[in-house]
Amino acid sequence: MKKQLTLIYGVVLLLTVFTAILSKFSFNKIAVVSILALSGSKFLLVAFHFMELKKANVFWKATLSIFLVLLIGIIALII
């Protein structure tokens, strides 16, 4: 279990570094949506693995995922 959490932590760190690099090179709509998608991925990784949401009811999993998709979608439409 500890090995899996360490792996997830490493993936979150790599996604963070990739987001920082992506933000330095360009600032167009594709880059912004990519950064939002990477941030959403990090959010889901943290929620499901570190907050133990993978053991929660299906309702909470679906609610969190739908909220994230709606949030990223609305922000992407505004840009």
PDB file of N, CA and C in Angstrom:
ATOM      1  N   MET A   1       0.825  -1.196   0.000  1.00  0.00           N
ATOM      2  CA  MET A   1       0.000   0.000   0.000  1.00  0.00           C
ATOM      3  C   MET A   1       0.863   1.251   0.000  1.00  0.00           C
ATOM      4  N   LYS A   2       1.912   1.239   0.806  1.00  0.00           N
ATOM      5  CA  LYS A   2       2.767   2.409   0.890  1.00  0.00           C
ATOM      6  C   LYS A   2       3.490   2.665  -0.431  1.00  0.00           C
ATOM      7  N   LYS A   3       3.835   1.590  -1.136  1.00  0.00           N
ATOM      8  CA  LYS A   3       4.509   1.724  -2.421  1.00  0.00           C
ATOM      9  C   LYS A   3       3.591   2.390  -3.440  1.00  0.00           C
ATOM     10  N   GLN A   4       2.297   2.037  -3.394  1.00  0.00           N
ATOM     11  CA  GLN A   4       1.336   2.630  -4.316  1.00  0.00           C
ATOM     12  C   GLN A   4       1.160   4.118  -4.028  1.00  0.00           C
ATOM     13  N   LEU A   5       1.101   4.500  -2.762  1.00  0.00           N
ATOM     14  CA  LEU A   5       0.959   5.910  -2.422  1.00  0.00           C
ATOM     15  C   LEU A   5       2.191   6.707  -2.839  1.00  0.00           C
ATOM     16  N   THR A   6       3.367   6.111  -2.706  1.00  0.00           N
ATOM     17  CA  THR A   6       4.588   6.773  -3.141  1.00  0.00           C
ATOM     18  C   THR A   6       4.581   6.960  -4.654  1.00  0.00           C
ATOM     19  N   LEU A   7       4.100   5.958  -5.374  1.00  0.00           N
ATOM     20  CA  LEU A   7       3.995   6.062  -6.824  1.00  0.00           C
ATOM     21  C   LEU A   7       3.019   7.161  -7.226  1.00  0.00           C
ATOM     22  N   ILE A   8       1.876   7.220  -6.581  1.00  0.00           N
ATOM     23  CA  ILE A   8       0.882   8.254  -6.878  1.00  0.00           C
ATOM     24  C   ILE A   8       1.449   9.632  -6.562  1.00  0.00           C
ATOM     25  N   TYR A   9       2.177   9.743  -5.461  1.00  0.00           N
ATOM     26  CA  TYR A   9       2.808  11.011  -5.094  1.00  0.00           C
ATOM     27  C   TYR A   9       3.811  11.443  -6.167  1.00  0.00           C
ATOM     28  N   GLY A  10       4.586  10.500  -6.690  1.00  0.00           N
ATOM     29  CA  GLY A  10       5.529  10.802  -7.761  1.00  0.00           C
ATOM     30  C   GLY A  10       4.821  11.252  -9.031  1.00  0.00           C
ATOM     31  N   VAL A  11       3.706  10.616  -9.357  1.00  0.00           N
ATOM     32  CA  VAL A  11       2.933  11.005 -10.542  1.00  0.00           C
ATOM     33  C   VAL A  11       2.380  12.416 -10.370  1.00  0.00           C
ATOM     34  N   VAL A  12       1.883  12.731  -9.183  1.00  0.00           N
ATOM     35  CA  VAL A  12       1.365  14.077  -8.923  1.00  0.00           C
ATOM     36  C   VAL A  12       2.482  15.112  -9.048  1.00  0.00           C
ATOM     37  N   LEU A  13       3.664  14.792  -8.552  1.00  0.00           N
ATOM     38  CA  LEU A  13       4.796  15.710  -8.686  1.00  0.00           C
ATOM     39  C   LEU A  13       5.194  15.893 -10.146  1.00  0.00           C
ATOM     40  N   LEU A  14       5.224  14.813 -10.925  1.00  0.00           N
ATOM     41  CA  LEU A  14       5.550  14.929 -12.344  1.00  0.00           C
ATOM     42  C   LEU A  14       4.509  15.753 -13.100  1.00  0.00           C
ATOM     43  N   LEU A  15       3.242  15.561 -12.786  1.00  0.00           N
ATOM     44  CA  LEU A  15       2.198  16.367 -13.424  1.00  0.00           C
ATOM     45  C   LEU A  15       2.337  17.839 -13.056  1.00  0.00           C
ATOM     46  N   THR A  16       2.738  18.115 -11.833  1.00  0.00           N
ATOM     47  CA  THR A  16       2.947  19.499 -11.404  1.00  0.00           C
ATOM     48  C   THR A  16       4.107  20.137 -12.162  1.00  0.00           C
ATOM     49  N   VAL A  17       5.197  19.405 -12.310  1.00  0.00           N
ATOM     50  CA  VAL A  17       6.347  19.922 -13.052  1.00  0.00           C
ATOM     51  C   VAL A  17       5.982  20.137 -14.517  1.00  0.00           C
ATOM     52  N   PHE A  18       5.256  19.180 -15.101  1.00  0.00           N
ATOM     53  CA  PHE A  18       4.837  19.316 -16.487  1.00  0.00           C
ATOM     54  C   PHE A  18       3.906  20.518 -16.673  1.00  0.00           C
ATOM     55  N   THR A  19       3.030  20.761 -15.716  1.00  0.00           N
ATOM     56  CA  THR A  19       2.144  21.930 -15.775  1.00  0.00           C
ATOM     57  C   THR A  19       2.945  23.220 -15.711  1.00  0.00           C
ATOM     58  N   ALA A  20       3.943  23.268 -14.847  1.00  0.00           N
ATOM     59  CA  ALA A  20       4.778  24.465 -14.737  1.00  0.00           C
ATOM     60  C   ALA A  20       5.546  24.712 -16.027  1.00  0.00           C
ATOM     61  N   ILE A  21       6.091  23.674 -16.617  1.00  0.00           N
ATOM     62  CA  ILE A  21       6.824  23.824 -17.882  1.00  0.00           C
ATOM     63  C   ILE A  21       5.886  24.273 -18.989  1.00  0.00           C
ATOM     64  N   LEU A  22       4.705  23.695 -19.044  1.00  0.00           N
ATOM     65  CA  LEU A  22       3.730  24.058 -20.069  1.00  0.00           C
ATOM     66  C   LEU A  22       3.299  25.514 -19.924  1.00  0.00           C
ATOM     67  N   SER A  23       3.190  25.999 -18.720  1.00  0.00           N
ATOM     68  CA  SER A  23       2.751  27.386 -18.517  1.00  0.00           C
ATOM     69  C   SER A  23       3.834  28.397 -18.884  1.00  0.00           C
ATOM     70  N   LYS A  24       5.089  27.996 -18.868  1.00  0.00           N
ATOM     71  CA  LYS A  24       6.178  28.915 -19.202  1.00  0.00           C
ATOM     72  C   LYS A  24       6.310  29.141 -20.700  1.00  0.00           C
ATOM     73  N   PHE A  25       5.968  28.155 -21.519  1.00  0.00           N
ATOM     74  CA  PHE A  25       6.244  28.246 -22.940  1.00  0.00           C
ATOM     75  C   PHE A  25       5.155  28.908 -23.766  1.00  0.00           C
ATOM     76  N   SER A  26       3.917  28.720 -23.424  1.00  0.00           N
ATOM     77  CA  SER A  26       2.864  29.295 -24.261  1.00  0.00           C
ATOM     78  C   SER A  26       1.658  29.654 -23.402  1.00  0.00           C
ATOM     79  N   PHE A  27       0.912  30.605 -23.938  1.00  0.00           N
ATOM     80  CA  PHE A  27      -0.323  31.003 -23.260  1.00  0.00           C
ATOM     81  C   PHE A  27      -1.400  31.190 -24.322  1.00  0.00           C
ATOM     82  N   ASN A  28      -1.915  30.083 -24.804  1.00  0.00           N
ATOM     83  CA  ASN A  28      -3.058  30.119 -25.707  1.00  0.00           C
ATOM     84  C   ASN A  28      -4.137  29.218 -25.134  1.00  0.00           C
ATOM     85  N   LYS A  29      -5.238  29.121 -25.847  1.00  0.00           N
ATOM     86  CA  LYS A  29      -6.366  28.374 -25.303  1.00  0.00           C
ATOM     87  C   LYS A  29      -6.043  26.887 -25.123  1.00  0.00           C
ATOM     88  N   ILE A  30      -5.279  26.326 -26.035  1.00  0.00           N
ATOM     89  CA  ILE A  30      -4.930  24.913 -25.931  1.00  0.00           C
ATOM     90  C   ILE A  30      -4.072  24.661 -24.694  1.00  0.00           C
ATOM     91  N   ALA A  31      -3.134  25.564 -24.432  1.00  0.00           N
ATOM     92  CA  ALA A  31      -2.285  25.412 -23.254  1.00  0.00           C
ATOM     93  C   ALA A  31      -3.096  25.531 -21.972  1.00  0.00           C
ATOM     94  N   VAL A  32      -4.028  26.473 -21.951  1.00  0.00           N
ATOM     95  CA  VAL A  32      -4.845  26.673 -20.754  1.00  0.00           C
ATOM     96  C   VAL A  32      -5.731  25.454 -20.497  1.00  0.00           C
ATOM     97  N   VAL A  33      -6.337  24.914 -21.533  1.00  0.00           N
ATOM     98  CA  VAL A  33      -7.183  23.732 -21.368  1.00  0.00           C
ATOM     99  C   VAL A  33      -6.331  22.528 -20.958  1.00  0.00           C
ATOM    100  N   SER A  34      -5.120  22.427 -21.494  1.00  0.00           N
ATOM    101  CA  SER A  34      -4.215  21.347 -21.091  1.00  0.00           C
ATOM    102  C   SER A  34      -3.841  21.466 -19.619  1.00  0.00           C
ATOM    103  N   ILE A  35      -3.562  22.675 -19.184  1.00  0.00           N
ATOM    104  CA  ILE A  35      -3.234  22.887 -17.768  1.00  0.00           C
ATOM    105  C   ILE A  35      -4.433  22.547 -16.884  1.00  0.00           C
ATOM    106  N   LEU A  36      -5.627  22.916 -17.318  1.00  0.00           N
ATOM    107  CA  LEU A  36      -6.829  22.565 -16.555  1.00  0.00           C
ATOM    108  C   LEU A  36      -7.021  21.053 -16.495  1.00  0.00           C
ATOM    109  N   ALA A  37      -6.766  20.362 -17.598  1.00  0.00           N
ATOM    110  CA  ALA A  37      -6.914  18.908 -17.618  1.00  0.00           C
ATOM    111  C   ALA A  37      -5.885  18.243 -16.703  1.00  0.00           C
ATOM    112  N   LEU A  38      -4.647  18.724 -16.727  1.00  0.00           N
ATOM    113  CA  LEU A  38      -3.628  18.178 -15.834  1.00  0.00           C
ATOM    114  C   LEU A  38      -3.980  18.438 -14.374  1.00  0.00           C
ATOM    115  N   SER A  39      -4.495  19.615 -14.095  1.00  0.00           N
ATOM    116  CA  SER A  39      -4.906  19.928 -12.722  1.00  0.00           C
ATOM    117  C   SER A  39      -6.073  19.060 -12.280  1.00  0.00           C
ATOM    118  N   GLY A  40      -7.000  18.797 -13.194  1.00  0.00           N
ATOM    119  CA  GLY A  40      -8.106  17.901 -12.875  1.00  0.00           C
ATOM    120  C   GLY A  40      -7.634  16.487 -12.597  1.00  0.00           C
ATOM    121  N   SER A  41      -6.641  16.041 -13.365  1.00  0.00           N
ATOM    122  CA  SER A  41      -6.069  14.713 -13.128  1.00  0.00           C
ATOM    123  C   SER A  41      -5.414  14.636 -11.756  1.00  0.00           C
ATOM    124  N   LYS A  42      -4.680  15.677 -11.402  1.00  0.00           N
ATOM    125  CA  LYS A  42      -4.056  15.708 -10.077  1.00  0.00           C
ATOM    126  C   LYS A  42      -5.112  15.710  -8.980  1.00  0.00           C
ATOM    127  N   PHE A  43      -6.182  16.460  -9.195  1.00  0.00           N
ATOM    128  CA  PHE A  43      -7.268  16.516  -8.219  1.00  0.00           C
ATOM    129  C   PHE A  43      -7.883  15.140  -8.001  1.00  0.00           C
ATOM    130  N   LEU A  44      -8.132  14.423  -9.107  1.00  0.00           N
ATOM    131  CA  LEU A  44      -8.724  13.089  -8.978  1.00  0.00           C
ATOM    132  C   LEU A  44      -7.767  12.108  -8.327  1.00  0.00           C
ATOM    133  N   LEU A  45      -6.483  12.196  -8.651  1.00  0.00           N
ATOM    134  CA  LEU A  45      -5.509  11.312  -8.007  1.00  0.00           C
ATOM    135  C   LEU A  45      -5.470  11.532  -6.502  1.00  0.00           C
ATOM    136  N   VAL A  46      -5.434  12.787  -6.095  1.00  0.00           N
ATOM    137  CA  VAL A  46      -5.392  13.089  -4.660  1.00  0.00           C
ATOM    138  C   VAL A  46      -6.693  12.663  -3.986  1.00  0.00           C
ATOM    139  N   ALA A  47      -7.820  12.951  -4.623  1.00  0.00           N
ATOM    140  CA  ALA A  47      -9.108  12.621  -4.006  1.00  0.00           C
ATOM    141  C   ALA A  47      -9.300  11.113  -3.856  1.00  0.00           C
ATOM    142  N   PHE A  48      -8.969  10.358  -4.892  1.00  0.00           N
ATOM    143  CA  PHE A  48      -9.230   8.930  -4.839  1.00  0.00           C
ATOM    144  C   PHE A  48      -8.197   8.170  -4.028  1.00  0.00           C
ATOM    145  N   HIS A  49      -6.948   8.593  -4.029  1.00  0.00           N
ATOM    146  CA  HIS A  49      -5.920   7.792  -3.358  1.00  0.00           C
ATOM    147  C   HIS A  49      -5.562   8.304  -1.969  1.00  0.00           C
ATOM    148  N   PHE A  50      -5.429   9.608  -1.802  1.00  0.00           N
ATOM    149  CA  PHE A  50      -5.003  10.110  -0.502  1.00  0.00           C
ATOM    150  C   PHE A  50      -6.184  10.411   0.422  1.00  0.00           C
ATOM    151  N   MET A  51      -7.344  10.742  -0.154  1.00  0.00           N
ATOM    152  CA  MET A  51      -8.523  11.016   0.659  1.00  0.00           C
ATOM    153  C   MET A  51      -9.422   9.785   0.768  1.00  0.00           C
ATOM    154  N   GLU A  52      -8.956   8.642   0.234  1.00  0.00           N
ATOM    155  CA  GLU A  52      -9.662   7.360   0.317  1.00  0.00           C
ATOM    156  C   GLU A  52     -11.060   7.407  -0.293  1.00  0.00           C
ATOM    157  N   LEU A  53     -11.244   8.193  -1.338  1.00  0.00           N
ATOM    158  CA  LEU A  53     -12.547   8.260  -1.979  1.00  0.00           C
ATOM    159  C   LEU A  53     -12.843   7.005  -2.792  1.00  0.00           C
ATOM    160  N   LYS A  54     -11.815   6.214  -3.095  1.00  0.00           N
ATOM    161  CA  LYS A  54     -12.052   4.982  -3.846  1.00  0.00           C
ATOM    162  C   LYS A  54     -12.877   3.983  -3.050  1.00  0.00           C
ATOM    163  N   LYS A  55     -12.958   4.177  -1.744  1.00  0.00           N
ATOM    164  CA  LYS A  55     -13.769   3.303  -0.899  1.00  0.00           C
ATOM    165  C   LYS A  55     -15.156   3.891  -0.632  1.00  0.00           C
ATOM    166  N   ALA A  56     -15.426   5.059  -1.184  1.00  0.00           N
ATOM    167  CA  ALA A  56     -16.698   5.739  -0.921  1.00  0.00           C
ATOM    168  C   ALA A  56     -17.808   5.166  -1.806  1.00  0.00           C
ATOM    169  N   ASN A  57     -19.006   5.636  -1.550  1.00  0.00           N
ATOM    170  CA  ASN A  57     -20.172   5.250  -2.317  1.00  0.00           C
ATOM    171  C   ASN A  57     -20.031   5.744  -3.756  1.00  0.00           C
ATOM    172  N   VAL A  58     -20.668   5.044  -4.690  1.00  0.00           N
ATOM    173  CA  VAL A  58     -20.608   5.408  -6.103  1.00  0.00           C
ATOM    174  C   VAL A  58     -21.174   6.809  -6.325  1.00  0.00           C
ATOM    175  N   PHE A  59     -22.154   7.202  -5.539  1.00  0.00           N
ATOM    176  CA  PHE A  59     -22.752   8.530  -5.667  1.00  0.00           C
ATOM    177  C   PHE A  59     -21.703   9.623  -5.490  1.00  0.00           C
ATOM    178  N   TRP A  60     -20.838   9.481  -4.499  1.00  0.00           N
ATOM    179  CA  TRP A  60     -19.836  10.507  -4.231  1.00  0.00           C
ATOM    180  C   TRP A  60     -18.766  10.532  -5.311  1.00  0.00           C
ATOM    181  N   LYS A  61     -18.413   9.366  -5.819  1.00  0.00           N
ATOM    182  CA  LYS A  61     -17.447   9.306  -6.910  1.00  0.00           C
ATOM    183  C   LYS A  61     -17.993   9.996  -8.154  1.00  0.00           C
ATOM    184  N   ALA A  62     -19.235   9.687  -8.481  1.00  0.00           N
ATOM    185  CA  ALA A  62     -19.851  10.288  -9.666  1.00  0.00           C
ATOM    186  C   ALA A  62     -20.051  11.788  -9.483  1.00  0.00           C
ATOM    187  N   THR A  63     -20.474  12.193  -8.307  1.00  0.00           N
ATOM    188  CA  THR A  63     -20.687  13.616  -8.044  1.00  0.00           C
ATOM    189  C   THR A  63     -19.391  14.400  -8.182  1.00  0.00           C
ATOM    190  N   LEU A  64     -18.324  13.882  -7.636  1.00  0.00           N
ATOM    191  CA  LEU A  64     -17.032  14.553  -7.730  1.00  0.00           C
ATOM    192  C   LEU A  64     -16.553  14.638  -9.175  1.00  0.00           C
ATOM    193  N   SER A  65     -16.687  13.563  -9.914  1.00  0.00           N
ATOM    194  CA  SER A  65     -16.242  13.548 -11.305  1.00  0.00           C
ATOM    195  C   SER A  65     -17.074  14.484 -12.174  1.00  0.00           C
ATOM    196  N   ILE A  66     -18.380  14.464 -11.991  1.00  0.00           N
ATOM    197  CA  ILE A  66     -19.257  15.358 -12.764  1.00  0.00           C
ATOM    198  C   ILE A  66     -18.974  16.812 -12.422  1.00  0.00           C
ATOM    199  N   PHE A  67     -18.773  17.116 -11.154  1.00  0.00           N
ATOM    200  CA  PHE A  67     -18.441  18.479 -10.754  1.00  0.00           C
ATOM    201  C   PHE A  67     -17.155  18.944 -11.413  1.00  0.00           C
ATOM    202  N   LEU A  68     -16.154  18.082 -11.429  1.00  0.00           N
ATOM    203  CA  LEU A  68     -14.869  18.445 -12.024  1.00  0.00           C
ATOM    204  C   LEU A  68     -15.007  18.691 -13.527  1.00  0.00           C
ATOM    205  N   VAL A  69     -15.740  17.830 -14.214  1.00  0.00           N
ATOM    206  CA  VAL A  69     -15.938  18.010 -15.653  1.00  0.00           C
ATOM    207  C   VAL A  69     -16.693  19.305 -15.933  1.00  0.00           C
ATOM    208  N   LEU A  70     -17.726  19.581 -15.155  1.00  0.00           N
ATOM    209  CA  LEU A  70     -18.472  20.823 -15.337  1.00  0.00           C
ATOM    210  C   LEU A  70     -17.623  22.053 -15.058  1.00  0.00           C
ATOM    211  N   LEU A  71     -16.838  22.006 -14.017  1.00  0.00           N
ATOM    212  CA  LEU A  71     -15.993  23.138 -13.656  1.00  0.00           C
ATOM    213  C   LEU A  71     -14.964  23.429 -14.741  1.00  0.00           C
ATOM    214  N   ILE A  72     -14.277  22.400 -15.193  1.00  0.00           N
ATOM    215  CA  ILE A  72     -13.278  22.588 -16.241  1.00  0.00           C
ATOM    216  C   ILE A  72     -13.945  23.021 -17.538  1.00  0.00           C
ATOM    217  N   GLY A  73     -15.104  22.462 -17.836  1.00  0.00           N
ATOM    218  CA  GLY A  73     -15.832  22.843 -19.048  1.00  0.00           C
ATOM    219  C   GLY A  73     -16.269  24.297 -19.033  1.00  0.00           C
ATOM    220  N   ILE A  74     -16.783  24.756 -17.910  1.00  0.00           N
ATOM    221  CA  ILE A  74     -17.222  26.151 -17.816  1.00  0.00           C
ATOM    222  C   ILE A  74     -16.042  27.098 -17.931  1.00  0.00           C
ATOM    223  N   ILE A  75     -14.954  26.778 -17.255  1.00  0.00           N
ATOM    224  CA  ILE A  75     -13.769  27.642 -17.333  1.00  0.00           C
ATOM    225  C   ILE A  75     -13.214  27.651 -18.753  1.00  0.00           C
ATOM    226  N   ALA A  76     -13.207  26.501 -19.423  1.00  0.00           N
ATOM    227  CA  ALA A  76     -12.701  26.432 -20.800  1.00  0.00           C
ATOM    228  C   ALA A  76     -13.577  27.240 -21.747  1.00  0.00           C
ATOM    229  N   LEU A  77     -14.882  27.255 -21.505  1.00  0.00           N
ATOM    230  CA  LEU A  77     -15.770  28.049 -22.350  1.00  0.00           C
ATOM    231  C   LEU A  77     -15.602  29.555 -22.139  1.00  0.00           C
ATOM    232  N   ILE A  78     -15.278  29.946 -20.924  1.00  0.00           N
ATOM    233  CA  ILE A  78     -15.096  31.371 -20.619  1.00  0.00           C
ATOM    234  C   ILE A  78     -13.845  31.920 -21.287  1.00  0.00           C
ATOM    235  N   ILE A  79     -12.817  31.103 -21.365  1.00  0.00           N
ATOM    236  CA  ILE A  79     -11.536  31.571 -21.923  1.00  0.00           C
ATOM    237  C   ILE A  79     -11.659  31.828 -23.392  1.00  0.00           C
TER     238      ILE A  79
END
